Amino acid sequence: MRAMLAMLRDPARDWALEDLAAAMVTSLAMLVRAFRAAAVTPLAFLADLRLGLARQRLQRSEEPIGQIAAEVGYQSETTFSRAMLRRYGICAGALRSADESVAGRSGKCGRPRPDKG
């Protein structure tokens, strides 16, 4: 689908549904129908795309987290890290850490809570 390809080419762009419909050379209604057939909303697809690209870069590079966040379309590192936590259950910084269990115990992005037992 052209709209998906457009988002893949420019994930950081502040996409509006009208922009995606224009990329498909179709109406807004047709855009929504096409995504409905794919069982995903356009903005959910974009969020998953951004987070997936960012996750790969976090795991494979030493680029600063803030830079990766900005380059995939997040306005702040904090917003990005919260989105990573919601989607993957782990903070962005913890993806680079060998001890993902620490990140999982924290329940939020930041310093982990100590174990109680």
Protein backbone atom coordinates (compact mmCIF):
# COMPACT_ATOMS: atom_id res chain seq x y z
CA MET A 1 0.00 0.00 0.00
CA ARG A 2 1.40 3.39 -0.97
CA ALA A 3 0.56 5.03 2.35
CA MET A 4 2.58 2.42 4.24
CA LEU A 5 5.52 2.89 1.90
CA ALA A 6 5.32 6.65 2.36
CA MET A 7 5.47 6.23 6.14
CA LEU A 8 8.36 3.80 5.83
CA ARG A 9 10.31 6.30 3.72
CA ASP A 10 9.70 9.16 6.18
CA PRO A 11 8.74 7.82 9.62
CA ALA A 12 9.63 11.07 11.40
CA ARG A 13 7.17 13.14 9.40
CA ASP A 14 4.16 14.49 11.28
CA TRP A 15 1.72 12.47 9.19
CA ALA A 16 -1.92 13.48 8.96
CA LEU A 17 -4.57 11.23 7.46
CA GLU A 18 -5.01 13.69 4.61
CA ASP A 19 -1.28 13.40 3.80
CA LEU A 20 -1.54 9.63 3.69
CA ALA A 21 -4.61 9.77 1.45
CA ALA A 22 -2.69 12.07 -0.89
CA ALA A 23 0.23 9.62 -0.92
CA MET A 24 -2.23 6.92 -2.00
CA VAL A 25 -3.85 9.29 -4.48
CA THR A 26 -7.21 8.48 -2.96
CA SER A 27 -9.87 9.84 -0.66
CA LEU A 28 -9.73 9.80 3.11
CA ALA A 29 -12.59 7.27 3.16
CA MET A 30 -10.68 4.91 0.85
CA LEU A 31 -7.55 5.26 2.98
CA VAL A 32 -9.48 4.25 6.09
CA ARG A 33 -11.07 1.30 4.26
CA ALA A 34 -7.68 0.10 3.01
CA PHE A 35 -6.21 0.16 6.51
CA ARG A 36 -9.32 -1.44 7.97
CA ALA A 37 -8.81 -4.32 5.53
CA ALA A 38 -5.27 -4.64 6.90
CA ALA A 39 -6.76 -4.74 10.44
CA VAL A 40 -4.76 -1.71 11.64
CA THR A 41 -5.37 2.01 11.81
CA PRO A 42 -2.96 4.29 9.94
CA LEU A 43 -1.67 5.88 13.13
CA ALA A 44 -1.25 2.52 14.88
CA PHE A 45 0.77 1.31 11.90
CA LEU A 46 2.92 4.44 12.09
CA ALA A 47 3.49 4.02 15.84
CA ASP A 48 4.50 0.37 15.40
CA LEU A 49 6.76 1.29 12.50
CA ARG A 50 8.51 4.01 14.49
CA LEU A 51 8.98 1.83 17.54
CA GLY A 52 10.21 -1.12 15.50
CA LEU A 53 12.78 1.00 13.65
CA ALA A 54 13.91 2.58 16.90
CA ARG A 55 14.20 -0.77 18.64
CA GLN A 56 16.47 -2.09 15.89
CA ARG A 57 18.67 0.99 16.09
CA LEU A 58 18.86 0.82 19.88
CA GLN A 59 19.99 -2.78 19.75
CA ARG A 60 22.45 -2.36 16.88
CA SER A 61 24.01 1.05 17.40
CA GLU A 62 25.49 3.34 19.98
CA GLU A 63 23.54 6.38 18.75
CA PRO A 64 22.12 8.55 21.55
CA ILE A 65 18.57 7.62 22.50
CA GLY A 66 17.36 11.19 21.99
CA GLN A 67 18.75 11.22 18.45
CA ILE A 68 17.04 7.94 17.58
CA ALA A 69 13.79 9.18 19.11
CA ALA A 70 13.87 12.37 17.04
CA GLU A 71 14.82 10.58 13.83
CA VAL A 72 11.86 8.20 14.06
CA GLY A 73 9.38 10.96 14.89
CA TYR A 74 9.20 11.49 18.65
CA GLN A 75 9.22 15.00 20.08
CA SER A 76 11.09 14.01 23.23
CA GLU A 77 13.17 11.20 24.61
CA THR A 78 10.74 10.85 27.52
CA THR A 79 7.72 10.38 25.25
CA PHE A 80 9.69 7.89 23.18
CA SER A 81 10.83 5.89 26.21
CA ARG A 82 7.26 5.73 27.56
CA ALA A 83 6.02 4.49 24.19
CA MET A 84 8.74 1.80 24.18
CA LEU A 85 7.68 0.75 27.68
CA ARG A 86 4.00 0.52 26.68
CA ARG A 87 4.75 -1.43 23.48
CA TYR A 88 7.60 -3.72 24.55
CA GLY A 89 7.49 -3.61 28.34
CA ILE A 90 11.01 -2.22 28.54
CA CYS A 91 12.50 1.28 28.54
CA ALA A 92 14.58 2.42 25.61
CA GLY A 93 17.80 2.60 27.61
CA ALA A 94 17.34 -0.89 29.01
CA LEU A 95 17.41 -2.40 25.52
CA ARG A 96 21.12 -1.69 25.52
CA SER A 97 21.61 -3.18 28.94
CA ALA A 98 22.44 -6.85 29.31
CA ASP A 99 20.14 -7.07 32.34
CA GLU A 100 16.61 -6.57 31.00
CA SER A 101 15.21 -8.01 34.21
CA VAL A 102 16.22 -4.81 36.02
CA ALA A 103 14.19 -2.74 33.58
CA GLY A 104 11.25 -5.07 33.92
CA ARG A 105 11.24 -4.73 37.72
CA SER A 106 11.15 -0.95 37.62
CA GLY A 107 7.64 -0.69 36.20
CA LYS A 108 8.58 2.65 34.69
CA CYS A 109 11.44 4.31 32.89
CA GLY A 110 14.03 5.30 35.39
CA ARG A 111 15.85 3.67 38.25
CA PRO A 112 14.68 0.17 39.15
CA ARG A 113 12.97 -0.59 42.42
CA PRO A 114 14.95 -2.95 44.63
CA ASP A 115 13.72 -6.51 44.96
CA LYS A 116 11.77 -7.16 48.13
CA GLY A 117 12.66 -10.77 48.51
